Amino acid sequence: AWAKYNIRVNCACPGLIETEMAHVLSPDAIEKIVAQTPMGRIGRPEEIAGPVAFLLSRDAQWVNGVDLIADGGAEVSLTLEGLASPAKTLAF
């Protein structure tokens, strides 16, 4: 509905990122998330900045309605295990 006004709506979907917010989780919860992430670690803020910068750039002017997932492979890994969504598997 907004595209006709030259407004694009996209979503950056980060996994757990090394920020203050990540540390509201218990060390146990962080360990579980890392164990379920194929890259085996928490993401860094600059690893999200690049994908977001892309969505804001002219290079993405034809990109609309996209969920850009940057989570170290966690969603794909959990989906391949037969789970519908990572959010359903992680209890904090």
Protein backbone atom coordinates (compact mmCIF):
# COMPACT_ATOMS: atom_id res chain seq x y z
CA ALA A 1 0.00 0.00 0.00
CA TRP A 2 2.91 2.37 0.66
CA ALA A 3 4.97 1.55 -2.44
CA LYS A 4 2.88 3.88 -4.60
CA TYR A 5 4.23 6.70 -2.40
CA ASN A 6 7.80 5.47 -2.94
CA ILE A 7 7.91 4.13 0.61
CA ARG A 8 9.55 0.74 1.04
CA VAL A 9 8.91 -1.38 4.10
CA ASN A 10 11.57 -3.91 5.02
CA CYS A 11 12.60 -5.54 8.26
CA ALA A 12 16.03 -6.34 9.69
CA CYS A 13 15.76 -9.47 11.85
CA PRO A 14 18.93 -9.85 13.91
CA GLY A 15 19.77 -12.80 16.06
CA LEU A 16 21.35 -12.27 19.46
CA ILE A 17 23.75 -9.33 19.19
CA GLU A 18 26.46 -8.31 21.68
CA THR A 19 24.67 -5.33 23.22
CA GLU A 20 23.48 -4.36 26.69
CA MET A 21 20.10 -5.83 25.80
CA ALA A 22 21.64 -9.27 25.25
CA HIS A 23 22.80 -9.33 28.84
CA VAL A 24 19.33 -9.15 30.32
CA LEU A 25 19.28 -12.84 29.45
CA SER A 26 20.76 -15.34 31.83
CA PRO A 27 24.15 -16.80 30.93
CA ASP A 28 22.32 -20.12 30.52
CA ALA A 29 19.93 -18.63 27.94
CA ILE A 30 22.82 -17.04 26.03
CA GLU A 31 24.64 -20.37 26.02
CA LYS A 32 21.55 -22.11 24.59
CA ILE A 33 21.20 -19.53 21.83
CA VAL A 34 24.88 -19.78 20.91
CA ALA A 35 24.62 -23.59 20.87
CA GLN A 36 21.72 -23.35 18.39
CA THR A 37 23.56 -20.89 16.14
CA PRO A 38 25.64 -22.56 13.41
CA MET A 39 28.25 -19.80 13.60
CA GLY A 40 28.65 -20.66 17.30
CA ARG A 41 28.74 -17.15 18.71
CA ILE A 42 26.81 -13.96 19.42
CA GLY A 43 26.71 -11.42 16.60
CA ARG A 44 28.48 -8.07 16.72
CA PRO A 45 26.66 -4.74 16.18
CA GLU A 46 28.68 -3.98 13.04
CA GLU A 47 27.44 -7.27 11.55
CA ILE A 48 23.91 -5.87 11.63
CA ALA A 49 24.89 -2.36 10.55
CA GLY A 50 25.94 -3.57 7.08
CA PRO A 51 22.66 -5.32 6.20
CA VAL A 52 20.67 -2.36 7.54
CA ALA A 53 22.84 0.08 5.58
CA PHE A 54 22.11 -1.99 2.46
CA LEU A 55 18.36 -1.75 3.04
CA LEU A 56 18.72 2.03 3.36
CA SER A 57 20.92 2.38 0.28
CA ARG A 58 20.15 3.05 -3.36
CA ASP A 59 21.29 -0.51 -4.05
CA ALA A 60 18.09 -1.68 -2.35
CA GLN A 61 15.69 0.69 -4.08
CA TRP A 62 13.86 -2.28 -5.67
CA VAL A 63 13.77 -4.26 -2.42
CA ASN A 64 10.39 -4.07 -0.70
CA GLY A 65 8.57 -6.29 1.78
CA VAL A 66 11.69 -8.22 2.80
CA ASP A 67 12.63 -9.75 6.15
CA LEU A 68 16.43 -9.67 6.10
CA ILE A 69 17.53 -12.27 8.62
CA ALA A 70 21.02 -11.85 10.03
CA ASP A 71 21.29 -14.40 12.83
CA GLY A 72 24.35 -16.52 12.14
CA GLY A 73 22.16 -19.20 10.55
CA ALA A 74 20.05 -19.87 13.66
CA GLU A 75 16.66 -19.72 11.95
CA VAL A 76 17.68 -21.99 9.09
CA SER A 77 19.32 -24.43 11.47
CA LEU A 78 16.23 -24.66 13.66
CA THR A 79 13.89 -24.87 10.69
CA LEU A 80 15.92 -27.73 9.24
CA GLU A 81 15.50 -29.56 12.53
CA GLY A 82 11.74 -29.49 11.90
CA LEU A 83 10.95 -26.58 14.13
CA ALA A 84 8.61 -23.89 12.86
CA SER A 85 10.33 -20.91 14.45
CA PRO A 86 13.35 -20.20 16.66
CA ALA A 87 11.14 -18.15 18.96
CA LYS A 88 9.19 -21.29 19.83
CA THR A 89 12.29 -23.17 20.88
CA LEU A 90 14.09 -20.70 23.08
CA ALA A 91 12.81 -20.25 26.63
CA PHE A 92 14.29 -17.35 28.54
